Amino acid sequence: MKYVVVSRLAPGVENARKAIEVFMKAPPEPPPGGSMEMYAATDGKTVITIVESDAPPDLGPTYSFAPFFESTQVFSVVAIDETWLQAIETAQANWA
């Protein structure tokens, strides 16, 4: 399963500097047996992490960065493929 973690930096230049300092000393690691990709949004305030793992992402390591973020959200995501489309069509048929 894939998970998308969206974290938004709290305001302040000094806050951003400290967050980068912590990141450089202790960058997040991918989960055992899983993978992780990190992206920075062009707004300079949002960090998007895509984690692929059998279990939801361990947010423990994120606590190192918690003081620097005003919010963090975790979404489990699936590919929009034929299986997903069939499931949505079945669900919609039950809505009526």
PDB file of N, CA and C in Angstrom:
ATOM      1  N   MET A   1       0.849  -1.168   0.000  1.00  0.00           N
ATOM      2  CA  MET A   1       0.000   0.000   0.000  1.00  0.00           C
ATOM      3  C   MET A   1       0.896   1.232   0.000  1.00  0.00           C
ATOM      4  N   LYS A   2       0.391   2.273  -0.600  1.00  0.00           N
ATOM      5  CA  LYS A   2       1.117   3.544  -0.600  1.00  0.00           C
ATOM      6  C   LYS A   2       0.418   4.525   0.322  1.00  0.00           C
ATOM      7  N   TYR A   3       1.221   5.345   0.947  1.00  0.00           N
ATOM      8  CA  TYR A   3       0.734   6.394   1.827  1.00  0.00           C
ATOM      9  C   TYR A   3       1.377   7.704   1.401  1.00  0.00           C
ATOM     10  N   VAL A   4       0.597   8.770   1.425  1.00  0.00           N
ATOM     11  CA  VAL A   4       1.112  10.103   1.138  1.00  0.00           C
ATOM     12  C   VAL A   4       1.025  10.899   2.440  1.00  0.00           C
ATOM     13  N   VAL A   5       2.166  11.433   2.841  1.00  0.00           N
ATOM     14  CA  VAL A   5       2.232  12.246   4.057  1.00  0.00           C
ATOM     15  C   VAL A   5       2.498  13.676   3.610  1.00  0.00           C
ATOM     16  N   VAL A   6       1.597  14.581   3.980  1.00  0.00           N
ATOM     17  CA  VAL A   6       1.731  15.989   3.603  1.00  0.00           C
ATOM     18  C   VAL A   6       1.956  16.794   4.883  1.00  0.00           C
ATOM     19  N   SER A   7       3.114  17.429   4.955  1.00  0.00           N
ATOM     20  CA  SER A   7       3.467  18.226   6.134  1.00  0.00           C
ATOM     21  C   SER A   7       3.707  19.663   5.695  1.00  0.00           C
ATOM     22  N   ARG A   8       3.191  20.571   6.491  1.00  0.00           N
ATOM     23  CA  ARG A   8       3.313  22.001   6.162  1.00  0.00           C
ATOM     24  C   ARG A   8       4.113  22.696   7.251  1.00  0.00           C
ATOM     25  N   LEU A   9       5.185  23.385   6.842  1.00  0.00           N
ATOM     26  CA  LEU A   9       6.022  24.098   7.804  1.00  0.00           C
ATOM     27  C   LEU A   9       5.248  25.210   8.495  1.00  0.00           C
ATOM     28  N   ALA A  10       5.528  25.375   9.756  1.00  0.00           N
ATOM     29  CA  ALA A  10       4.970  26.509  10.497  1.00  0.00           C
ATOM     30  C   ALA A  10       5.668  27.777   9.990  1.00  0.00           C
ATOM     31  N   PRO A  11       5.025  28.919  10.142  1.00  0.00           N
ATOM     32  CA  PRO A  11       5.615  30.170   9.637  1.00  0.00           C
ATOM     33  C   PRO A  11       6.936  30.523  10.318  1.00  0.00           C
ATOM     34  N   GLY A  12       7.737  31.262   9.607  1.00  0.00           N
ATOM     35  CA  GLY A  12       8.956  31.819  10.176  1.00  0.00           C
ATOM     36  C   GLY A  12      10.220  31.318   9.499  1.00  0.00           C
ATOM     37  N   VAL A  13      11.092  32.255   9.167  1.00  0.00           N
ATOM     38  CA  VAL A  13      12.358  31.924   8.515  1.00  0.00           C
ATOM     39  C   VAL A  13      13.237  31.113   9.462  1.00  0.00           C
ATOM     40  N   GLU A  14      13.298  31.496  10.717  1.00  0.00           N
ATOM     41  CA  GLU A  14      14.132  30.777  11.690  1.00  0.00           C
ATOM     42  C   GLU A  14      13.626  29.349  11.870  1.00  0.00           C
ATOM     43  N   ASN A  15      12.333  29.181  11.861  1.00  0.00           N
ATOM     44  CA  ASN A  15      11.746  27.849  11.950  1.00  0.00           C
ATOM     45  C   ASN A  15      12.198  26.976  10.781  1.00  0.00           C
ATOM     46  N   ALA A  16      12.174  27.530   9.578  1.00  0.00           N
ATOM     47  CA  ALA A  16      12.606  26.790   8.388  1.00  0.00           C
ATOM     48  C   ALA A  16      14.086  26.433   8.478  1.00  0.00           C
ATOM     49  N   ARG A  17      14.890  27.347   8.958  1.00  0.00           N
ATOM     50  CA  ARG A  17      16.330  27.076   9.113  1.00  0.00           C
ATOM     51  C   ARG A  17      16.566  25.921  10.077  1.00  0.00           C
ATOM     52  N   LYS A  18      15.862  25.924  11.190  1.00  0.00           N
ATOM     53  CA  LYS A  18      16.022  24.855  12.178  1.00  0.00           C
ATOM     54  C   LYS A  18      15.544  23.520  11.622  1.00  0.00           C
ATOM     55  N   ALA A  19      14.454  23.529  10.864  1.00  0.00           N
ATOM     56  CA  ALA A  19      13.940  22.292  10.269  1.00  0.00           C
ATOM     57  C   ALA A  19      14.964  21.696   9.307  1.00  0.00           C
ATOM     58  N   ILE A  20      15.590  22.536   8.495  1.00  0.00           N
ATOM     59  CA  ILE A  20      16.608  22.055   7.553  1.00  0.00           C
ATOM     60  C   ILE A  20      17.814  21.519   8.318  1.00  0.00           C
ATOM     61  N   GLU A  21      18.180  22.180   9.388  1.00  0.00           N
ATOM     62  CA  GLU A  21      19.308  21.724  10.200  1.00  0.00           C
ATOM     63  C   GLU A  21      19.047  20.325  10.762  1.00  0.00           C
ATOM     64  N   VAL A  22      17.864  20.104  11.306  1.00  0.00           N
ATOM     65  CA  VAL A  22      17.505  18.786  11.836  1.00  0.00           C
ATOM     66  C   VAL A  22      17.462  17.761  10.713  1.00  0.00           C
ATOM     67  N   PHE A  23      16.889  18.139   9.577  1.00  0.00           N
ATOM     68  CA  PHE A  23      16.803  17.224   8.429  1.00  0.00           C
ATOM     69  C   PHE A  23      18.192  16.789   7.974  1.00  0.00           C
ATOM     70  N   MET A  24      19.130  17.717   7.932  1.00  0.00           N
ATOM     71  CA  MET A  24      20.489  17.389   7.484  1.00  0.00           C
ATOM     72  C   MET A  24      21.194  16.450   8.467  1.00  0.00           C
ATOM     73  N   LYS A  25      20.879  16.576   9.750  1.00  0.00           N
ATOM     74  CA  LYS A  25      21.505  15.718  10.761  1.00  0.00           C
ATOM     75  C   LYS A  25      20.855  14.344  10.829  1.00  0.00           C
ATOM     76  N   ALA A  26      19.553  14.287  10.642  1.00  0.00           N
ATOM     77  CA  ALA A  26      18.821  13.024  10.804  1.00  0.00           C
ATOM     78  C   ALA A  26      17.712  12.919   9.772  1.00  0.00           C
ATOM     79  N   PRO A  27      18.064  12.661   8.507  1.00  0.00           N
ATOM     80  CA  PRO A  27      17.012  12.568   7.494  1.00  0.00           C
ATOM     81  C   PRO A  27      16.121  11.350   7.736  1.00  0.00           C
ATOM     82  N   PRO A  28      14.846  11.444   7.381  1.00  0.00           N
ATOM     83  CA  PRO A  28      13.941  10.304   7.552  1.00  0.00           C
ATOM     84  C   PRO A  28      14.420   9.102   6.735  1.00  0.00           C
ATOM     85  N   GLU A  29      14.188   7.924   7.271  1.00  0.00           N
ATOM     86  CA  GLU A  29      14.585   6.679   6.615  1.00  0.00           C
ATOM     87  C   GLU A  29      13.351   5.950   6.101  1.00  0.00           C
ATOM     88  N   PRO A  30      13.477   5.214   4.992  1.00  0.00           N
ATOM     89  CA  PRO A  30      12.328   4.424   4.525  1.00  0.00           C
ATOM     90  C   PRO A  30      12.026   3.298   5.510  1.00  0.00           C
ATOM     91  N   PRO A  31      10.787   2.827   5.532  1.00  0.00           N
ATOM     92  CA  PRO A  31      10.442   1.738   6.443  1.00  0.00           C
ATOM     93  C   PRO A  31      11.161   0.457   6.034  1.00  0.00           C
ATOM     94  N   PRO A  32      11.393  -0.459   6.985  1.00  0.00           N
ATOM     95  CA  PRO A  32      12.031  -1.730   6.630  1.00  0.00           C
ATOM     96  C   PRO A  32      11.222  -2.456   5.547  1.00  0.00           C
ATOM     97  N   GLY A  33      11.885  -2.848   4.488  1.00  0.00           N
ATOM     98  CA  GLY A  33      11.215  -3.549   3.404  1.00  0.00           C
ATOM     99  C   GLY A  33      10.338  -2.679   2.536  1.00  0.00           C
ATOM    100  N   GLY A  34      10.358  -1.373   2.762  1.00  0.00           N
ATOM    101  CA  GLY A  34       9.520  -0.455   1.994  1.00  0.00           C
ATOM    102  C   GLY A  34      10.362   0.573   1.268  1.00  0.00           C
ATOM    103  N   SER A  35       9.704   1.573   0.736  1.00  0.00           N
ATOM    104  CA  SER A  35      10.408   2.645   0.034  1.00  0.00           C
ATOM    105  C   SER A  35       9.815   3.990   0.424  1.00  0.00           C
ATOM    106  N   MET A  36      10.571   5.035   0.137  1.00  0.00           N
ATOM    107  CA  MET A  36      10.120   6.373   0.488  1.00  0.00           C
ATOM    108  C   MET A  36      10.704   7.369  -0.505  1.00  0.00           C
ATOM    109  N   GLU A  37       9.859   8.287  -0.954  1.00  0.00           N
ATOM    110  CA  GLU A  37      10.285   9.392  -1.804  1.00  0.00           C
ATOM    111  C   GLU A  37       9.813  10.675  -1.142  1.00  0.00           C
ATOM    112  N   MET A  38      10.660  11.685  -1.147  1.00  0.00           N
ATOM    113  CA  MET A  38      10.284  12.976  -0.555  1.00  0.00           C
ATOM    114  C   MET A  38      10.336  14.060  -1.619  1.00  0.00           C
ATOM    115  N   TYR A  39       9.359  14.951  -1.542  1.00  0.00           N
ATOM    116  CA  TYR A  39       9.256  16.069  -2.480  1.00  0.00           C
ATOM    117  C   TYR A  39       9.008  17.351  -1.702  1.00  0.00           C
ATOM    118  N   ALA A  40       9.517  18.436  -2.223  1.00  0.00           N
ATOM    119  CA  ALA A  40       9.223  19.751  -1.673  1.00  0.00           C
ATOM    120  C   ALA A  40       8.322  20.469  -2.671  1.00  0.00           C
ATOM    121  N   ALA A  41       7.231  21.012  -2.189  1.00  0.00           N
ATOM    122  CA  ALA A  41       6.348  21.783  -3.063  1.00  0.00           C
ATOM    123  C   ALA A  41       7.023  23.114  -3.397  1.00  0.00           C
ATOM    124  N   THR A  42       6.638  23.681  -4.503  1.00  0.00           N
ATOM    125  CA  THR A  42       7.262  24.932  -4.927  1.00  0.00           C
ATOM    126  C   THR A  42       6.875  26.109  -4.043  1.00  0.00           C
ATOM    127  N   ASP A  43       5.912  25.904  -3.121  1.00  0.00           N
ATOM    128  CA  ASP A  43       5.571  26.995  -2.206  1.00  0.00           C
ATOM    129  C   ASP A  43       6.626  27.162  -1.115  1.00  0.00           C
ATOM    130  N   GLY A  44       7.578  26.217  -1.014  1.00  0.00           N
ATOM    131  CA  GLY A  44       8.642  26.319  -0.022  1.00  0.00           C
ATOM    132  C   GLY A  44       8.198  26.001   1.396  1.00  0.00           C
ATOM    133  N   LYS A  45       6.953  25.587   1.571  1.00  0.00           N
ATOM    134  CA  LYS A  45       6.416  25.347   2.913  1.00  0.00           C
ATOM    135  C   LYS A  45       5.863  23.936   3.087  1.00  0.00           C
ATOM    136  N   THR A  46       5.708  23.200   1.986  1.00  0.00           N
ATOM    137  CA  THR A  46       5.042  21.911   2.052  1.00  0.00           C
ATOM    138  C   THR A  46       5.999  20.797   1.653  1.00  0.00           C
ATOM    139  N   VAL A  47       6.029  19.750   2.474  1.00  0.00           N
ATOM    140  CA  VAL A  47       6.843  18.570   2.210  1.00  0.00           C
ATOM    141  C   VAL A  47       5.885  17.408   1.973  1.00  0.00           C
ATOM    142  N   ILE A  48       6.075  16.709   0.860  1.00  0.00           N
ATOM    143  CA  ILE A  48       5.226  15.571   0.520  1.00  0.00           C
ATOM    144  C   ILE A  48       6.106  14.332   0.505  1.00  0.00           C
ATOM    145  N   THR A  49       5.705  13.340   1.281  1.00  0.00           N
ATOM    146  CA  THR A  49       6.451  12.085   1.357  1.00  0.00           C
ATOM    147  C   THR A  49       5.544  10.966   0.885  1.00  0.00           C
ATOM    148  N   ILE A  50       6.041  10.145  -0.024  1.00  0.00           N
ATOM    149  CA  ILE A  50       5.291   8.981  -0.498  1.00  0.00           C
ATOM    150  C   ILE A  50       5.990   7.754   0.054  1.00  0.00           C
ATOM    151  N   VAL A  51       5.259   6.995   0.859  1.00  0.00           N
ATOM    152  CA  VAL A  51       5.806   5.813   1.521  1.00  0.00           C
ATOM    153  C   VAL A  51       5.087   4.585   0.983  1.00  0.00           C
ATOM    154  N   GLU A  52       5.853   3.584   0.577  1.00  0.00           N
ATOM    155  CA  GLU A  52       5.260   2.315   0.172  1.00  0.00           C
ATOM    156  C   GLU A  52       5.686   1.293   1.208  1.00  0.00           C
ATOM    157  N   SER A  53       4.685   0.657   1.829  1.00  0.00           N
ATOM    158  CA  SER A  53       4.959  -0.255   2.925  1.00  0.00           C
ATOM    159  C   SER A  53       3.751  -1.145   3.170  1.00  0.00           C
ATOM    160  N   ASP A  54       3.987  -2.275   3.829  1.00  0.00           N
ATOM    161  CA  ASP A  54       2.879  -3.162   4.186  1.00  0.00           C
ATOM    162  C   ASP A  54       2.060  -2.609   5.345  1.00  0.00           C
ATOM    163  N   ALA A  55       2.633  -1.696   6.102  1.00  0.00           N
ATOM    164  CA  ALA A  55       1.960  -1.118   7.263  1.00  0.00           C
ATOM    165  C   ALA A  55       1.943   0.402   7.122  1.00  0.00           C
ATOM    166  N   PRO A  56       1.003   1.069   7.807  1.00  0.00           N
ATOM    167  CA  PRO A  56       0.997   2.539   7.762  1.00  0.00           C
ATOM    168  C   PRO A  56       2.343   3.096   8.211  1.00  0.00           C
ATOM    169  N   PRO A  57       2.714   4.262   7.714  1.00  0.00           N
ATOM    170  CA  PRO A  57       4.013   4.830   8.076  1.00  0.00           C
ATOM    171  C   PRO A  57       4.132   5.037   9.579  1.00  0.00           C
ATOM    172  N   ASP A  58       5.310   4.743  10.101  1.00  0.00           N
ATOM    173  CA  ASP A  58       5.601   4.974  11.515  1.00  0.00           C
ATOM    174  C   ASP A  58       5.846   6.467  11.690  1.00  0.00           C
ATOM    175  N   LEU A  59       4.976   7.119  12.407  1.00  0.00           N
ATOM    176  CA  LEU A  59       5.116   8.568  12.572  1.00  0.00           C
ATOM    177  C   LEU A  59       6.079   8.930  13.693  1.00  0.00           C
ATOM    178  N   GLY A  60       6.624   7.927  14.387  1.00  0.00           N
ATOM    179  CA  GLY A  60       7.589   8.192  15.456  1.00  0.00           C
ATOM    180  C   GLY A  60       8.728   9.085  15.016  1.00  0.00           C
ATOM    181  N   PRO A  61       9.414   8.742  13.906  1.00  0.00           N
ATOM    182  CA  PRO A  61      10.508   9.607  13.458  1.00  0.00           C
ATOM    183  C   PRO A  61      10.058  11.024  13.106  1.00  0.00           C
ATOM    184  N   THR A  62       8.796  11.177  12.748  1.00  0.00           N
ATOM    185  CA  THR A  62       8.291  12.504  12.400  1.00  0.00           C
ATOM    186  C   THR A  62       8.268  13.440  13.597  1.00  0.00           C
ATOM    187  N   TYR A  63       8.264  12.864  14.794  1.00  0.00           N
ATOM    188  CA  TYR A  63       8.242  13.709  15.981  1.00  0.00           C
ATOM    189  C   TYR A  63       9.490  14.579  16.075  1.00  0.00           C
ATOM    190  N   SER A  64      10.588  14.153  15.436  1.00  0.00           N
ATOM    191  CA  SER A  64      11.789  14.992  15.395  1.00  0.00           C
ATOM    192  C   SER A  64      11.504  16.310  14.693  1.00  0.00           C
ATOM    193  N   PHE A  65      10.563  16.254  13.739  1.00  0.00           N
ATOM    194  CA  PHE A  65      10.245  17.441  12.951  1.00  0.00           C
ATOM    195  C   PHE A  65       8.963  18.134  13.413  1.00  0.00           C
ATOM    196  N   ALA A  66       8.229  17.521  14.321  1.00  0.00           N
ATOM    197  CA  ALA A  66       6.932  18.049  14.758  1.00  0.00           C
ATOM    198  C   ALA A  66       6.974  19.517  15.170  1.00  0.00           C
ATOM    199  N   PRO A  67       7.993  19.956  15.890  1.00  0.00           N
ATOM    200  CA  PRO A  67       7.995  21.367  16.301  1.00  0.00           C
ATOM    201  C   PRO A  67       8.033  22.348  15.128  1.00  0.00           C
ATOM    202  N   PHE A  68       8.447  21.869  13.963  1.00  0.00           N
ATOM    203  CA  PHE A  68       8.610  22.754  12.814  1.00  0.00           C
ATOM    204  C   PHE A  68       7.400  22.778  11.890  1.00  0.00           C
ATOM    205  N   PHE A  69       6.472  21.834  12.068  1.00  0.00           N
ATOM    206  CA  PHE A  69       5.314  21.738  11.191  1.00  0.00           C
ATOM    207  C   PHE A  69       4.054  22.218  11.877  1.00  0.00           C
ATOM    208  N   GLU A  70       3.223  22.935  11.130  1.00  0.00           N
ATOM    209  CA  GLU A  70       1.937  23.339  11.686  1.00  0.00           C
ATOM    210  C   GLU A  70       0.883  22.269  11.463  1.00  0.00           C
ATOM    211  N   SER A  71       1.109  21.387  10.477  1.00  0.00           N
ATOM    212  CA  SER A  71       0.165  20.293  10.261  1.00  0.00           C
ATOM    213  C   SER A  71       0.839  19.153   9.509  1.00  0.00           C
ATOM    214  N   THR A  72       0.355  17.945   9.772  1.00  0.00           N
ATOM    215  CA  THR A  72       0.787  16.751   9.049  1.00  0.00           C
ATOM    216  C   THR A  72      -0.437  15.883   8.835  1.00  0.00           C
ATOM    217  N   GLN A  73      -0.642  15.457   7.592  1.00  0.00           N
ATOM    218  CA  GLN A  73      -1.770  14.597   7.259  1.00  0.00           C
ATOM    219  C   GLN A  73      -1.245  13.366   6.538  1.00  0.00           C
ATOM    220  N   VAL A  74      -1.852  12.207   6.837  1.00  0.00           N
ATOM    221  CA  VAL A  74      -1.473  10.954   6.200  1.00  0.00           C
ATOM    222  C   VAL A  74      -2.677  10.410   5.438  1.00  0.00           C
ATOM    223  N   PHE A  75      -2.463  10.088   4.173  1.00  0.00           N
ATOM    224  CA  PHE A  75      -3.521   9.531   3.336  1.00  0.00           C
ATOM    225  C   PHE A  75      -3.044   8.198   2.776  1.00  0.00           C
ATOM    226  N   SER A  76      -3.866   7.161   2.884  1.00  0.00           N
ATOM    227  CA  SER A  76      -3.554   5.932   2.159  1.00  0.00           C
ATOM    228  C   SER A  76      -4.110   6.123   0.750  1.00  0.00           C
ATOM    229  N   VAL A  77      -3.341   5.714  -0.240  1.00  0.00           N
ATOM    230  CA  VAL A  77      -3.745   5.939  -1.629  1.00  0.00           C
ATOM    231  C   VAL A  77      -3.634   4.643  -2.431  1.00  0.00           C
ATOM    232  N   VAL A  78      -4.433   4.553  -3.468  1.00  0.00           N
ATOM    233  CA  VAL A  78      -4.387   3.417  -4.398  1.00  0.00           C
ATOM    234  C   VAL A  78      -4.370   3.970  -5.814  1.00  0.00           C
ATOM    235  N   ALA A  79      -3.882   3.152  -6.718  1.00  0.00           N
ATOM    236  CA  ALA A  79      -3.848   3.550  -8.128  1.00  0.00           C
ATOM    237  C   ALA A  79      -5.270   3.598  -8.683  1.00  0.00           C
ATOM    238  N   ILE A  80      -5.522   4.544  -9.542  1.00  0.00           N
ATOM    239  CA  ILE A  80      -6.804   4.586 -10.248  1.00  0.00           C
ATOM    240  C   ILE A  80      -6.621   3.707 -11.476  1.00  0.00           C
ATOM    241  N   ASP A  81      -6.993   2.448 -11.291  1.00  0.00           N
ATOM    242  CA  ASP A  81      -6.857   1.464 -12.359  1.00  0.00           C
ATOM    243  C   ASP A  81      -8.203   0.773 -12.576  1.00  0.00           C
ATOM    244  N   GLU A  82      -8.217  -0.281 -13.370  1.00  0.00           N
ATOM    245  CA  GLU A  82      -9.462  -0.982 -13.682  1.00  0.00           C
ATOM    246  C   GLU A  82     -10.145  -1.529 -12.419  1.00  0.00           C
ATOM    247  N   THR A  83      -9.360  -2.075 -11.487  1.00  0.00           N
ATOM    248  CA  THR A  83      -9.924  -2.608 -10.246  1.00  0.00           C
ATOM    249  C   THR A  83     -10.615  -1.510  -9.451  1.00  0.00           C
ATOM    250  N   TRP A  84      -9.963  -0.346  -9.361  1.00  0.00           N
ATOM    251  CA  TRP A  84     -10.531   0.778  -8.619  1.00  0.00           C
ATOM    252  C   TRP A  84     -11.819   1.247  -9.298  1.00  0.00           C
ATOM    253  N   LEU A  85     -11.773   1.376 -10.622  1.00  0.00           N
ATOM    254  CA  LEU A  85     -12.955   1.839 -11.347  1.00  0.00           C
ATOM    255  C   LEU A  85     -14.136   0.886 -11.154  1.00  0.00           C
ATOM    256  N   GLN A  86     -13.882  -0.421 -11.186  1.00  0.00           N
ATOM    257  CA  GLN A  86     -14.953  -1.390 -10.963  1.00  0.00           C
ATOM    258  C   GLN A  86     -15.525  -1.263  -9.548  1.00  0.00           C
ATOM    259  N   ALA A  87     -14.661  -1.062  -8.568  1.00  0.00           N
ATOM    260  CA  ALA A  87     -15.121  -0.902  -7.187  1.00  0.00           C
ATOM    261  C   ALA A  87     -15.980   0.352  -7.046  1.00  0.00           C
ATOM    262  N   ILE A  88     -15.588   1.438  -7.686  1.00  0.00           N
ATOM    263  CA  ILE A  88     -16.369   2.683  -7.631  1.00  0.00           C
ATOM    264  C   ILE A  88     -17.719   2.493  -8.315  1.00  0.00           C
ATOM    265  N   GLU A  89     -17.726   1.833  -9.466  1.00  0.00           N
ATOM    266  CA  GLU A  89     -18.991   1.593 -10.163  1.00  0.00           C
ATOM    267  C   GLU A  89     -19.929   0.728  -9.322  1.00  0.00           C
ATOM    268  N   THR A  90     -19.393  -0.277  -8.650  1.00  0.00           N
ATOM    269  CA  THR A  90     -20.204  -1.131  -7.778  1.00  0.00           C
ATOM    270  C   THR A  90     -20.751  -0.308  -6.613  1.00  0.00           C
ATOM    271  N   ALA A  91     -19.909   0.516  -6.031  1.00  0.00           N
ATOM    272  CA  ALA A  91     -20.351   1.358  -4.908  1.00  0.00           C
ATOM    273  C   ALA A  91     -21.454   2.315  -5.355  1.00  0.00           C
ATOM    274  N   GLN A  92     -21.296   2.933  -6.514  1.00  0.00           N
ATOM    275  CA  GLN A  92     -22.295   3.861  -7.016  1.00  0.00           C
ATOM    276  C   GLN A  92     -23.620   3.161  -7.279  1.00  0.00           C
ATOM    277  N   ALA A  93     -23.560   1.936  -7.742  1.00  0.00           N
ATOM    278  CA  ALA A  93     -24.802   1.189  -7.994  1.00  0.00           C
ATOM    279  C   ALA A  93     -25.564   0.950  -6.705  1.00  0.00           C
ATOM    280  N   ASN A  94     -24.853   0.890  -5.593  1.00  0.00           N
ATOM    281  CA  ASN A  94     -25.495   0.668  -4.282  1.00  0.00           C
ATOM    282  C   ASN A  94     -25.992   1.969  -3.645  1.00  0.00           C
ATOM    283  N   TRP A  95     -25.619   3.106  -4.194  1.00  0.00           N
ATOM    284  CA  TRP A  95     -26.018   4.388  -3.614  1.00  0.00           C
ATOM    285  C   TRP A  95     -27.490   4.692  -3.871  1.00  0.00           C
ATOM    286  N   ALA A  96     -28.033   4.163  -4.940  1.00  0.00           N
ATOM    287  CA  ALA A  96     -29.395   4.501  -5.329  1.00  0.00           C
ATOM    288  C   ALA A  96     -30.442   3.912  -4.426  1.00  0.00           C
TER     289      ALA A  96
END
